[in-house]
Structures are given as structure tokens and as C-alpha cells.
Amino acid sequence: MSYLESCRKEALVAAGKFNQHAVYVLGEPIVVPDESRVTVALSSENLLLNAYRQQDFGVPSYLCVDTTHRLVREGHCCMAVGTVSITQHFHIIGYAICSHEDIRAHEHALHAIREAVDAVVALRQAAGESI
């Protein structure tokens, strides 16, 4: 859990390591040692904006989620969440690392990513920055 705390946006900003490409923990990770359950959503501001950019082309965002168990050494699954552009290219929005691929993990990851997309877009629009 201490490693996850060091990967939060606030900790990265305080350490001077945050930029639009810095990967950070989204939302509150689920860590339940008694159940051996871990679910953590990760992304960067630039990747999160892929969800918003898709709408600029007038195409509704279609979320695509795929999970593989081969990418993480500890045996957890890696859930890639993204969208498909009009040219049928896959664009990553975020990732989730989870110990159990179930409804609870999917809901947690998708909710954390959605909340982070909304927060980044609102922050950029309030600052008058390009998205």
C-alpha cells in the first residue's frame, strides 16, 4: 500500500515528478489482504484525454476492455481499457491491475477511470488549456 501511496497524483506533484505523461493511481485502490484482493486503476493525463478526444470527431466513445494474465509477474491480471477511433485504431485510456477478474474489479476500474477523465477534462477546461 505504501508503494501505491507514492504513485498517487498528489505524491508525484509534491515530489516534482508529475507531468501529462506520468502514470498515477486513479481513485482509491482496493487492497484487502484477508481476501488476497487487489484492484488498482492506473493512467496518465494524456491517456485519459483519449476518451475525450474521441468525441471531437463526432463519434461516440465505445469502451473496449481486455484482460490478460500474462503481463504481470505476480499472477494478477492486467486490464487494458481503451476506445476505438473512426480509423479503427485502439487508443488506451487506462489500465487496471487486479487479482480477481470479476464484476467488482471491472466496476471499480471503469468507475475510477471515468472519474479521472471527468476531472482531467474539467481541470483543463477551467485552465483554458488545449485538450
N, C-alpha and C. Protein backbone atom coordinates (compact mmCIF):
# COMPACT_ATOMS: atom_id res chain seq x y z
N MET A 1 0.82 -1.19 0.00
CA MET A 1 0.00 0.00 0.00
C MET A 1 0.87 1.26 0.00
N SER A 2 2.03 1.20 0.65
CA SER A 2 2.91 2.37 0.69
C SER A 2 3.42 2.71 -0.72
N TYR A 3 3.66 1.68 -1.53
CA TYR A 3 4.09 1.95 -2.91
C TYR A 3 2.96 2.64 -3.68
N LEU A 4 1.73 2.19 -3.49
CA LEU A 4 0.60 2.81 -4.17
C LEU A 4 0.43 4.26 -3.73
N GLU A 5 0.67 4.55 -2.47
CA GLU A 5 0.58 5.94 -1.98
C GLU A 5 1.60 6.82 -2.68
N SER A 6 2.78 6.28 -2.95
CA SER A 6 3.81 7.08 -3.62
C SER A 6 3.50 7.30 -5.10
N CYS A 7 2.55 6.55 -5.62
CA CYS A 7 2.16 6.68 -7.03
C CYS A 7 0.89 7.50 -7.23
N ARG A 8 0.39 8.11 -6.19
CA ARG A 8 -0.78 8.98 -6.31
C ARG A 8 -0.36 10.31 -6.94
N LYS A 9 -1.29 10.95 -7.59
CA LYS A 9 -1.01 12.22 -8.26
C LYS A 9 -0.44 13.25 -7.28
N GLU A 10 -1.03 13.34 -6.09
CA GLU A 10 -0.58 14.31 -5.10
C GLU A 10 0.88 14.07 -4.71
N ALA A 11 1.26 12.82 -4.53
CA ALA A 11 2.63 12.49 -4.15
C ALA A 11 3.61 12.81 -5.28
N LEU A 12 3.20 12.55 -6.51
CA LEU A 12 4.06 12.85 -7.65
C LEU A 12 4.23 14.36 -7.83
N VAL A 13 3.16 15.11 -7.62
CA VAL A 13 3.23 16.58 -7.71
C VAL A 13 4.17 17.10 -6.62
N ALA A 14 4.02 16.61 -5.40
CA ALA A 14 4.86 17.05 -4.29
C ALA A 14 6.34 16.73 -4.53
N ALA A 15 6.60 15.61 -5.21
CA ALA A 15 7.99 15.22 -5.49
C ALA A 15 8.54 15.87 -6.75
N GLY A 16 7.71 16.65 -7.45
CA GLY A 16 8.15 17.30 -8.68
C GLY A 16 8.29 16.34 -9.85
N LYS A 17 7.61 15.20 -9.80
CA LYS A 17 7.72 14.18 -10.84
C LYS A 17 6.47 14.08 -11.70
N PHE A 18 5.54 15.01 -11.56
CA PHE A 18 4.28 14.90 -12.29
C PHE A 18 4.31 15.72 -13.57
N ASN A 19 3.86 15.10 -14.66
CA ASN A 19 3.61 15.79 -15.92
C ASN A 19 2.49 15.05 -16.62
N GLN A 20 2.13 15.46 -17.83
CA GLN A 20 0.98 14.84 -18.50
C GLN A 20 1.22 13.37 -18.87
N HIS A 21 2.46 12.91 -18.83
CA HIS A 21 2.76 11.52 -19.18
C HIS A 21 3.08 10.66 -17.96
N ALA A 22 3.04 11.24 -16.78
CA ALA A 22 3.33 10.48 -15.55
C ALA A 22 2.15 9.56 -15.21
N VAL A 23 2.45 8.30 -14.99
CA VAL A 23 1.42 7.33 -14.64
C VAL A 23 1.15 7.41 -13.15
N TYR A 24 -0.14 7.47 -12.80
CA TYR A 24 -0.51 7.58 -11.39
C TYR A 24 -1.75 6.74 -11.10
N VAL A 25 -1.98 6.51 -9.81
CA VAL A 25 -3.11 5.70 -9.34
C VAL A 25 -4.38 6.53 -9.42
N LEU A 26 -5.43 5.95 -10.00
CA LEU A 26 -6.71 6.62 -10.12
C LEU A 26 -7.65 6.14 -9.02
N GLY A 27 -8.31 7.07 -8.37
CA GLY A 27 -9.27 6.68 -7.34
C GLY A 27 -8.61 6.02 -6.15
N GLU A 28 -9.41 5.31 -5.40
CA GLU A 28 -8.93 4.60 -4.22
C GLU A 28 -8.72 3.13 -4.57
N PRO A 29 -7.50 2.63 -4.50
CA PRO A 29 -7.28 1.21 -4.82
C PRO A 29 -7.97 0.29 -3.81
N ILE A 30 -8.38 -0.87 -4.28
CA ILE A 30 -8.94 -1.89 -3.39
C ILE A 30 -7.80 -2.83 -3.02
N VAL A 31 -7.47 -2.86 -1.75
CA VAL A 31 -6.45 -3.78 -1.24
C VAL A 31 -7.03 -4.43 0.00
N VAL A 32 -7.37 -5.72 -0.10
CA VAL A 32 -7.94 -6.47 1.02
C VAL A 32 -7.05 -7.69 1.25
N PRO A 33 -6.09 -7.59 2.19
CA PRO A 33 -5.15 -8.69 2.41
C PRO A 33 -5.82 -10.00 2.80
N ASP A 34 -6.90 -9.94 3.58
CA ASP A 34 -7.58 -11.16 4.04
C ASP A 34 -8.14 -11.96 2.87
N GLU A 35 -8.58 -11.27 1.83
CA GLU A 35 -9.16 -11.93 0.65
C GLU A 35 -8.14 -12.07 -0.48
N SER A 36 -6.93 -11.59 -0.26
CA SER A 36 -5.91 -11.53 -1.32
C SER A 36 -6.45 -10.81 -2.54
N ARG A 37 -7.14 -9.71 -2.31
CA ARG A 37 -7.77 -8.94 -3.39
C ARG A 37 -7.04 -7.62 -3.58
N VAL A 38 -6.68 -7.36 -4.84
CA VAL A 38 -6.05 -6.11 -5.23
C VAL A 38 -6.71 -5.64 -6.52
N THR A 39 -7.13 -4.38 -6.56
CA THR A 39 -7.61 -3.77 -7.79
C THR A 39 -7.13 -2.33 -7.79
N VAL A 40 -6.31 -1.99 -8.78
CA VAL A 40 -5.72 -0.67 -8.89
C VAL A 40 -5.85 -0.18 -10.32
N ALA A 41 -6.41 1.00 -10.51
CA ALA A 41 -6.51 1.61 -11.83
C ALA A 41 -5.37 2.61 -12.00
N LEU A 42 -4.75 2.61 -13.18
CA LEU A 42 -3.60 3.47 -13.46
C LEU A 42 -3.77 4.15 -14.81
N SER A 43 -3.26 5.37 -14.92
CA SER A 43 -3.25 6.06 -16.21
C SER A 43 -2.41 7.32 -16.09
N SER A 44 -2.34 8.05 -17.18
CA SER A 44 -1.71 9.38 -17.20
C SER A 44 -2.73 10.36 -17.74
N GLU A 45 -2.49 11.66 -17.55
CA GLU A 45 -3.44 12.64 -18.05
C GLU A 45 -3.57 12.57 -19.57
N ASN A 46 -2.46 12.35 -20.25
CA ASN A 46 -2.51 12.27 -21.71
C ASN A 46 -3.35 11.09 -22.18
N LEU A 47 -3.21 9.95 -21.53
CA LEU A 47 -4.01 8.78 -21.91
C LEU A 47 -5.49 8.98 -21.56
N LEU A 48 -5.77 9.59 -20.42
CA LEU A 48 -7.15 9.83 -20.02
C LEU A 48 -7.87 10.73 -21.03
N LEU A 49 -7.14 11.66 -21.61
CA LEU A 49 -7.74 12.56 -22.58
C LEU A 49 -8.11 11.87 -23.89
N ASN A 50 -7.61 10.65 -24.12
CA ASN A 50 -8.03 9.90 -25.31
C ASN A 50 -9.54 9.66 -25.31
N ALA A 51 -10.12 9.50 -24.15
CA ALA A 51 -11.57 9.29 -24.06
C ALA A 51 -12.31 10.54 -24.52
N TYR A 52 -11.81 11.69 -24.16
CA TYR A 52 -12.46 12.95 -24.54
C TYR A 52 -12.19 13.28 -26.01
N ARG A 53 -10.97 13.06 -26.47
CA ARG A 53 -10.61 13.38 -27.85
C ARG A 53 -11.46 12.62 -28.86
N GLN A 54 -11.86 11.44 -28.51
CA GLN A 54 -12.68 10.62 -29.40
C GLN A 54 -13.97 11.34 -29.77
N GLN A 55 -14.53 12.07 -28.82
CA GLN A 55 -15.79 12.77 -29.05
C GLN A 55 -15.62 13.96 -29.99
N ASP A 56 -14.40 14.49 -30.13
CA ASP A 56 -14.15 15.62 -31.03
C ASP A 56 -14.40 15.26 -32.48
N PHE A 57 -14.33 13.99 -32.82
CA PHE A 57 -14.55 13.55 -34.20
C PHE A 57 -16.02 13.26 -34.47
N GLY A 58 -16.87 13.49 -33.49
CA GLY A 58 -18.29 13.26 -33.67
C GLY A 58 -18.68 11.80 -33.60
N VAL A 59 -17.78 10.98 -33.11
CA VAL A 59 -18.04 9.54 -32.97
C VAL A 59 -18.22 9.24 -31.50
N PRO A 60 -19.29 8.55 -31.13
CA PRO A 60 -19.46 8.21 -29.71
C PRO A 60 -18.32 7.31 -29.24
N SER A 61 -17.94 7.48 -27.99
CA SER A 61 -16.87 6.65 -27.43
C SER A 61 -17.39 5.26 -27.13
N TYR A 62 -16.72 4.27 -27.64
CA TYR A 62 -17.01 2.88 -27.33
C TYR A 62 -15.85 2.36 -26.50
N LEU A 63 -16.15 1.97 -25.28
CA LEU A 63 -15.10 1.43 -24.42
C LEU A 63 -14.82 -0.01 -24.78
N CYS A 64 -13.57 -0.32 -24.81
CA CYS A 64 -13.13 -1.69 -25.05
C CYS A 64 -12.29 -2.10 -23.84
N VAL A 65 -12.56 -3.28 -23.33
CA VAL A 65 -11.82 -3.78 -22.17
C VAL A 65 -11.33 -5.18 -22.49
N ASP A 66 -10.05 -5.41 -22.26
CA ASP A 66 -9.49 -6.74 -22.46
C ASP A 66 -8.56 -7.02 -21.29
N THR A 67 -8.52 -8.25 -20.88
CA THR A 67 -7.71 -8.62 -19.73
C THR A 67 -6.80 -9.78 -20.09
N THR A 68 -5.56 -9.67 -19.65
CA THR A 68 -4.60 -10.76 -19.86
C THR A 68 -3.92 -11.07 -18.54
N HIS A 69 -3.55 -12.32 -18.38
CA HIS A 69 -2.88 -12.75 -17.15
C HIS A 69 -1.38 -12.96 -17.38
N ARG A 70 -0.90 -12.68 -18.59
CA ARG A 70 0.49 -12.97 -18.91
C ARG A 70 1.45 -11.83 -18.68
N LEU A 71 0.97 -10.63 -18.38
CA LEU A 71 1.84 -9.47 -18.32
C LEU A 71 2.36 -9.14 -16.93
N VAL A 72 1.76 -9.67 -15.89
CA VAL A 72 2.13 -9.31 -14.53
C VAL A 72 2.76 -10.51 -13.84
N ARG A 73 3.93 -10.31 -13.31
CA ARG A 73 4.70 -11.39 -12.71
C ARG A 73 3.99 -12.09 -11.56
N GLU A 74 3.27 -11.34 -10.74
CA GLU A 74 2.62 -11.91 -9.55
C GLU A 74 1.38 -12.73 -9.87
N GLY A 75 0.99 -12.81 -11.12
CA GLY A 75 -0.18 -13.59 -11.48
C GLY A 75 -1.46 -12.79 -11.54
N HIS A 76 -1.40 -11.51 -11.21
CA HIS A 76 -2.58 -10.66 -11.32
C HIS A 76 -2.87 -10.43 -12.80
N CYS A 77 -4.08 -10.05 -13.09
CA CYS A 77 -4.40 -9.78 -14.49
C CYS A 77 -4.26 -8.28 -14.77
N CYS A 78 -3.92 -7.98 -16.01
CA CYS A 78 -3.76 -6.61 -16.47
C CYS A 78 -4.94 -6.31 -17.39
N MET A 79 -5.75 -5.34 -17.00
CA MET A 79 -6.94 -4.98 -17.75
C MET A 79 -6.65 -3.70 -18.53
N ALA A 80 -6.66 -3.78 -19.85
CA ALA A 80 -6.47 -2.61 -20.70
C ALA A 80 -7.85 -2.03 -21.04
N VAL A 81 -8.00 -0.73 -20.82
CA VAL A 81 -9.26 -0.05 -21.12
C VAL A 81 -8.95 1.03 -22.15
N GLY A 82 -9.71 1.02 -23.25
CA GLY A 82 -9.45 1.99 -24.29
C GLY A 82 -10.67 2.25 -25.14
N THR A 83 -10.45 2.97 -26.21
CA THR A 83 -11.50 3.31 -27.15
C THR A 83 -10.98 3.08 -28.56
N VAL A 84 -11.90 2.94 -29.50
CA VAL A 84 -11.53 2.71 -30.89
C VAL A 84 -11.91 3.96 -31.68
N SER A 85 -10.95 4.46 -32.47
CA SER A 85 -11.19 5.67 -33.26
C SER A 85 -11.93 5.32 -34.54
N ILE A 86 -12.29 6.36 -35.28
CA ILE A 86 -13.01 6.18 -36.53
C ILE A 86 -12.18 5.40 -37.55
N THR A 87 -10.85 5.45 -37.40
CA THR A 87 -9.95 4.70 -38.28
C THR A 87 -9.68 3.29 -37.75
N GLN A 88 -10.43 2.90 -36.76
CA GLN A 88 -10.37 1.58 -36.13
C GLN A 88 -9.02 1.29 -35.49
N HIS A 89 -8.42 2.32 -34.89
CA HIS A 89 -7.21 2.15 -34.10
C HIS A 89 -7.60 2.18 -32.63
N PHE A 90 -6.96 1.34 -31.85
CA PHE A 90 -7.22 1.25 -30.42
C PHE A 90 -6.38 2.29 -29.69
N HIS A 91 -7.00 3.06 -28.81
CA HIS A 91 -6.31 4.09 -28.04
C HIS A 91 -6.53 3.82 -26.56
N ILE A 92 -5.44 3.57 -25.86
CA ILE A 92 -5.51 3.27 -24.42
C ILE A 92 -5.99 4.49 -23.64
N ILE A 93 -6.87 4.25 -22.68
CA ILE A 93 -7.30 5.28 -21.74
C ILE A 93 -6.67 5.01 -20.38
N GLY A 94 -6.62 3.75 -19.98
CA GLY A 94 -6.04 3.41 -18.69
C GLY A 94 -5.86 1.91 -18.55
N TYR A 95 -5.23 1.53 -17.47
CA TYR A 95 -5.00 0.12 -17.15
C TYR A 95 -5.50 -0.15 -15.74
N ALA A 96 -5.77 -1.39 -15.46
CA ALA A 96 -6.08 -1.80 -14.10
C ALA A 96 -5.33 -3.11 -13.83
N ILE A 97 -4.81 -3.22 -12.65
CA ILE A 97 -4.18 -4.46 -12.19
C ILE A 97 -5.13 -5.04 -11.16
N CYS A 98 -5.55 -6.28 -11.36
CA CYS A 98 -6.50 -6.86 -10.41
C CYS A 98 -6.18 -8.33 -10.17
N SER A 99 -6.46 -8.75 -8.96
CA SER A 99 -6.20 -10.14 -8.58
C SER A 99 -7.36 -11.05 -8.95
N HIS A 100 -8.55 -10.48 -9.06
CA HIS A 100 -9.75 -11.25 -9.40
C HIS A 100 -10.45 -10.55 -10.56
N GLU A 101 -10.62 -11.23 -11.66
CA GLU A 101 -11.32 -10.65 -12.79
C GLU A 101 -12.82 -10.93 -12.62
N ASP A 102 -13.48 -10.03 -11.92
CA ASP A 102 -14.90 -10.19 -11.65
C ASP A 102 -15.61 -8.85 -11.80
N ILE A 103 -16.89 -8.84 -11.55
CA ILE A 103 -17.69 -7.63 -11.72
C ILE A 103 -17.17 -6.51 -10.82
N ARG A 104 -16.82 -6.84 -9.60
CA ARG A 104 -16.33 -5.84 -8.65
C ARG A 104 -15.08 -5.14 -9.18
N ALA A 105 -14.16 -5.90 -9.73
CA ALA A 105 -12.93 -5.32 -10.27
C ALA A 105 -13.21 -4.46 -11.50
N HIS A 106 -14.05 -4.96 -12.41
CA HIS A 106 -14.38 -4.20 -13.60
C HIS A 106 -15.09 -2.89 -13.24
N GLU A 107 -16.07 -2.95 -12.35
CA GLU A 107 -16.79 -1.75 -11.95
C GLU A 107 -15.86 -0.74 -11.30
N HIS A 108 -14.98 -1.22 -10.43
CA HIS A 108 -14.06 -0.32 -9.74
C HIS A 108 -13.13 0.37 -10.75
N ALA A 109 -12.55 -0.39 -11.64
CA ALA A 109 -11.61 0.17 -12.62
C ALA A 109 -12.30 1.16 -13.55
N LEU A 110 -13.46 0.79 -14.09
CA LEU A 110 -14.16 1.68 -15.02
C LEU A 110 -14.65 2.95 -14.32
N HIS A 111 -15.10 2.82 -13.08
CA HIS A 111 -15.54 4.00 -12.32
C HIS A 111 -14.36 4.93 -12.06
N ALA A 112 -13.23 4.39 -11.63
CA ALA A 112 -12.05 5.21 -11.35
C ALA A 112 -11.57 5.92 -12.61
N ILE A 113 -11.58 5.22 -13.73
CA ILE A 113 -11.13 5.83 -14.98
C ILE A 113 -12.11 6.92 -15.42
N ARG A 114 -13.40 6.65 -15.32
CA ARG A 114 -14.39 7.67 -15.71
C ARG A 114 -14.26 8.93 -14.87
N GLU A 115 -14.12 8.75 -13.56
CA GLU A 115 -13.97 9.90 -12.66
C GLU A 115 -12.70 10.68 -12.99
N ALA A 116 -11.62 9.99 -13.31
CA ALA A 116 -10.36 10.66 -13.63
C ALA A 116 -10.46 11.41 -14.95
N VAL A 117 -11.14 10.84 -15.95
CA VAL A 117 -11.33 11.53 -17.23
C VAL A 117 -12.11 12.81 -16.99
N ASP A 118 -13.21 12.73 -16.25
CA ASP A 118 -14.01 13.92 -15.96
C ASP A 118 -13.19 14.98 -15.24
N ALA A 119 -12.37 14.58 -14.28
CA ALA A 119 -11.57 15.52 -13.51
C ALA A 119 -10.51 16.19 -14.38
N VAL A 120 -9.83 15.43 -15.23
CA VAL A 120 -8.78 15.99 -16.08
C VAL A 120 -9.38 16.96 -17.10
N VAL A 121 -10.49 16.58 -17.71
CA VAL A 121 -11.14 17.45 -18.70
C VAL A 121 -11.61 18.73 -18.03
N ALA A 122 -12.23 18.65 -16.86
CA ALA A 122 -12.70 19.84 -16.15
C ALA A 122 -11.54 20.75 -15.77
N LEU A 123 -10.44 20.15 -15.32
CA LEU A 123 -9.26 20.93 -14.94
C LEU A 123 -8.67 21.65 -16.14
N ARG A 124 -8.56 20.94 -17.27
CA ARG A 124 -8.01 21.55 -18.49
C ARG A 124 -8.92 22.65 -19.02
N GLN A 125 -10.23 22.42 -19.00
CA GLN A 125 -11.15 23.44 -19.49
C GLN A 125 -11.15 24.67 -18.60
N ALA A 126 -11.08 24.49 -17.28
CA ALA A 126 -11.05 25.62 -16.35
C ALA A 126 -9.78 26.44 -16.52
N ALA A 127 -8.67 25.78 -16.86
CA ALA A 127 -7.40 26.47 -17.05
C ALA A 127 -7.26 27.05 -18.46
N GLY A 128 -8.20 26.71 -19.34
CA GLY A 128 -8.15 27.19 -20.72
C GLY A 128 -7.09 26.50 -21.56
N GLU A 129 -6.66 25.33 -21.12
CA GLU A 129 -5.64 24.57 -21.85
C GLU A 129 -6.28 23.73 -22.94
N SER A 130 -5.48 23.38 -23.93
CA SER A 130 -5.98 22.53 -25.01
C SER A 130 -6.14 21.10 -24.52
N ILE A 131 -7.11 20.44 -25.10
CA ILE A 131 -7.38 19.06 -24.72
C ILE A 131 -7.00 18.20 -25.88
